[in-house]
Amino acid sequence: MGIAAVLAGSSALMQTRSQNAQTSNQQKAQAQTIAGMTQSMNYSFQNLETSRQTAFDSTIDDLAKTRLQSLRQEASVNAAVNEEMMNGGRTADLLKRSVANDAARATDSIKANYEAKSNEIDLNKESSLINTKNQIAALPKIETPNALSQIVGLASSYYSGKNSANALKALKIGG
């Protein structure tokens, strides 16, 4: 009678240890998955920041080129106005202002394009962060059974084994 109960209890104990080991392995695997997701998000952030730096450098180059071109154009207009209109008149002032306004519009356009690109990068970073958080939140929770449920399971197995032993004993006596 005692041997069957002890065997059933030890079998349940081994199952409990096996479940705990399996749960521990699953938790480690899930932690590695989360670390991989986070690393991927960080690489994405690095790529986006590199893209922002490239856009900034390109904007600086474009602004320098535009400013140089506008200075050349203003100098040409000033030279032409000075030759033809003897440095004066309404038409000369309108031409000079028009050239200056064109340069300002081109500069503003370049700055606006950079701001739009930078804003797009910020949105992509936020999207990547939210996506990673959602993926991590979607992972199933892996929980180890609490001690009480393990004790109840062991006791249940013990009493089940004890009842089986009693039933076998009753069959031997009755048979």
Protein backbone atom coordinates (compact mmCIF):
# COMPACT_ATOMS: atom_id res chain seq x y z
CA MET A 1 0.00 0.00 0.00
CA GLY A 2 2.73 2.50 0.89
CA ILE A 3 4.90 1.65 -2.12
CA ALA A 4 2.21 2.50 -4.69
CA ALA A 5 1.50 5.82 -3.00
CA VAL A 6 5.20 6.64 -2.81
CA LEU A 7 5.65 5.73 -6.48
CA ALA A 8 2.69 7.89 -7.50
CA GLY A 9 4.00 10.77 -5.39
CA SER A 10 7.51 10.47 -6.83
CA SER A 11 6.11 10.34 -10.34
CA ALA A 12 4.13 13.51 -9.65
CA LEU A 13 7.23 15.14 -8.16
CA MET A 14 9.26 14.31 -11.25
CA GLN A 15 6.49 15.72 -13.47
CA THR A 16 6.45 18.90 -11.40
CA ARG A 17 10.23 19.28 -11.68
CA SER A 18 10.02 18.65 -15.42
CA GLN A 19 7.25 21.25 -15.82
CA ASN A 20 9.26 23.77 -13.80
CA ALA A 21 12.35 23.16 -15.96
CA GLN A 22 10.30 23.48 -19.13
CA THR A 23 8.69 26.70 -17.87
CA SER A 24 12.11 28.09 -16.97
CA ASN A 25 13.41 27.28 -20.48
CA GLN A 26 10.36 28.92 -22.06
CA GLN A 27 10.91 32.05 -19.96
CA LYS A 28 14.57 32.21 -21.03
CA ALA A 29 13.59 31.79 -24.68
CA GLN A 30 10.98 34.51 -24.35
CA ALA A 31 13.52 36.84 -22.73
CA GLN A 32 15.85 36.23 -25.68
CA THR A 33 13.00 36.96 -28.10
CA ILE A 34 12.26 40.23 -26.33
CA ALA A 35 15.96 41.14 -26.36
CA GLY A 36 16.06 40.42 -30.11
CA MET A 37 13.00 42.59 -30.74
CA THR A 38 14.51 45.42 -28.72
CA GLN A 39 17.83 45.10 -30.53
CA SER A 40 16.05 45.20 -33.89
CA MET A 41 14.20 48.34 -32.82
CA ASN A 42 17.46 49.95 -31.72
CA TYR A 43 19.07 49.15 -35.08
CA SER A 44 16.07 50.70 -36.79
CA PHE A 45 16.54 53.82 -34.64
CA GLN A 46 20.21 53.98 -35.65
CA ASN A 47 19.31 53.70 -39.33
CA LEU A 48 16.71 56.44 -39.00
CA GLU A 49 19.15 58.74 -37.20
CA THR A 50 21.74 58.08 -39.92
CA SER A 51 19.09 59.00 -42.46
CA ARG A 52 18.37 62.21 -40.52
CA GLN A 53 22.09 63.09 -40.47
CA THR A 54 22.33 62.45 -44.20
CA ALA A 55 19.28 64.64 -44.82
CA PHE A 56 20.79 67.39 -42.64
CA ASP A 57 24.11 67.26 -44.50
CA SER A 58 22.28 67.31 -47.82
CA THR A 59 20.22 70.31 -46.66
CA ILE A 60 23.34 72.21 -45.65
CA ASP A 61 24.90 71.48 -49.06
CA ASP A 62 21.72 72.55 -50.86
CA LEU A 63 21.49 75.74 -48.82
CA ALA A 64 25.12 76.61 -49.58
CA LYS A 65 24.62 75.97 -53.29
CA THR A 66 21.38 77.93 -53.37
CA ARG A 67 22.93 80.82 -51.49
CA LEU A 68 25.95 80.88 -53.81
CA GLN A 69 23.71 80.74 -56.87
CA SER A 70 21.50 83.51 -55.53
CA LEU A 71 24.52 85.70 -54.74
CA ARG A 72 25.77 85.19 -58.31
CA GLN A 73 22.35 85.98 -59.71
CA GLU A 74 22.01 89.10 -57.53
CA ALA A 75 25.47 90.25 -58.62
CA SER A 76 24.56 89.75 -62.27
CA VAL A 77 21.28 91.63 -61.85
CA ASN A 78 23.01 94.44 -59.97
CA ALA A 79 25.66 94.70 -62.68
CA ALA A 80 23.03 94.77 -65.43
CA VAL A 81 20.91 97.33 -63.58
CA ASN A 82 23.91 99.54 -62.92
CA GLU A 83 24.91 99.43 -66.60
CA GLU A 84 21.48 99.98 -68.11
CA MET A 85 19.59 102.02 -65.55
CA MET A 86 22.36 103.96 -63.88
CA ASN A 87 21.69 102.44 -60.45
CA GLY A 88 18.15 103.52 -60.01
CA GLY A 89 14.52 103.46 -60.87
CA ARG A 90 11.53 101.47 -59.88
CA THR A 91 12.18 98.70 -62.36
CA ALA A 92 15.70 98.23 -61.05
CA ASP A 93 14.44 97.95 -57.47
CA LEU A 94 11.74 95.47 -58.53
CA LEU A 95 14.30 93.30 -60.30
CA LYS A 96 16.61 93.32 -57.29
CA ARG A 97 13.75 92.46 -54.93
CA SER A 98 12.51 89.72 -57.24
CA VAL A 99 15.93 88.05 -57.26
CA ALA A 100 16.20 88.34 -53.46
CA ASN A 101 12.70 86.89 -53.04
CA ASP A 102 13.50 83.98 -55.33
CA ALA A 103 16.55 83.19 -53.20
CA ALA A 104 14.48 83.40 -49.99
CA ARG A 105 11.77 81.11 -51.43
CA ALA A 106 14.34 78.55 -52.52
CA THR A 107 15.98 78.63 -49.07
CA ASP A 108 12.63 78.33 -47.31
CA SER A 109 11.69 75.40 -49.56
CA ILE A 110 14.92 73.57 -48.72
CA LYS A 111 14.39 74.17 -44.99
CA ALA A 112 10.76 73.01 -45.21
CA ASN A 113 11.82 69.84 -47.02
CA TYR A 114 14.33 69.07 -44.26
CA GLU A 115 11.73 69.68 -41.56
CA ALA A 116 9.30 67.35 -43.34
CA LYS A 117 11.98 64.65 -43.66
CA SER A 118 12.94 65.04 -40.00
CA ASN A 119 9.28 64.82 -38.96
CA GLU A 120 8.87 61.68 -41.07
CA ILE A 121 11.89 60.14 -39.34
CA ASP A 122 10.41 60.99 -35.92
CA LEU A 123 7.12 59.35 -36.92
CA ASN A 124 8.94 56.25 -38.18
CA LYS A 125 10.84 55.99 -34.90
CA GLU A 126 7.62 56.30 -32.92
CA SER A 127 5.96 53.71 -35.16
CA SER A 128 8.88 51.33 -34.65
CA LEU A 129 8.70 51.82 -30.87
CA ILE A 130 4.94 51.23 -30.74
CA ASN A 131 5.24 48.19 -33.03
CA THR A 132 7.94 46.66 -30.82
CA LYS A 133 5.93 47.34 -27.66
CA ASN A 134 2.86 45.71 -29.23
CA GLN A 135 4.86 42.66 -30.33
CA ILE A 136 6.27 42.23 -26.84
CA ALA A 137 2.84 42.70 -25.27
CA ALA A 138 1.40 40.07 -27.65
CA LEU A 139 3.82 37.41 -26.43
CA PRO A 140 2.03 34.92 -24.19
CA LYS A 141 2.75 35.21 -20.49
CA ILE A 142 4.69 32.25 -19.17
CA GLU A 143 4.00 31.65 -15.52
CA THR A 144 5.25 28.98 -13.23
CA PRO A 145 2.59 27.19 -11.23
CA ASN A 146 2.42 28.51 -7.70
CA ALA A 147 3.61 26.40 -4.79
CA LEU A 148 0.09 25.71 -3.53
CA SER A 149 -1.04 24.19 -6.83
CA GLN A 150 2.11 22.06 -6.95
CA ILE A 151 1.51 20.80 -3.40
CA VAL A 152 -2.12 20.05 -4.18
CA GLY A 153 -1.03 18.17 -7.31
CA LEU A 154 1.48 16.12 -5.34
CA ALA A 155 -1.06 15.33 -2.63
CA SER A 156 -3.63 14.40 -5.24
CA SER A 157 -1.18 12.02 -6.91
CA TYR A 158 -0.24 10.52 -3.57
CA TYR A 159 -3.86 9.90 -2.60
CA SER A 160 -4.66 8.62 -6.07
CA GLY A 161 -1.82 6.10 -5.72
CA LYS A 162 -2.98 5.20 -2.24
CA ASN A 163 -6.54 4.62 -3.48
CA SER A 164 -5.22 2.47 -6.34
CA ALA A 165 -3.22 0.42 -3.86
CA ASN A 166 -6.30 0.00 -1.66
CA ALA A 167 -8.35 -1.07 -4.67
CA LEU A 168 -5.71 -3.64 -5.62
CA LYS A 169 -5.58 -4.90 -2.05
CA ALA A 170 -9.37 -5.19 -1.99
CA LEU A 171 -9.27 -7.19 -5.24
CA LYS A 172 -6.67 -9.56 -3.80
CA ILE A 173 -8.64 -10.04 -0.62
CA GLY A 174 -11.92 -10.43 -2.45
CA GLY A 175 -10.48 -12.57 -5.26
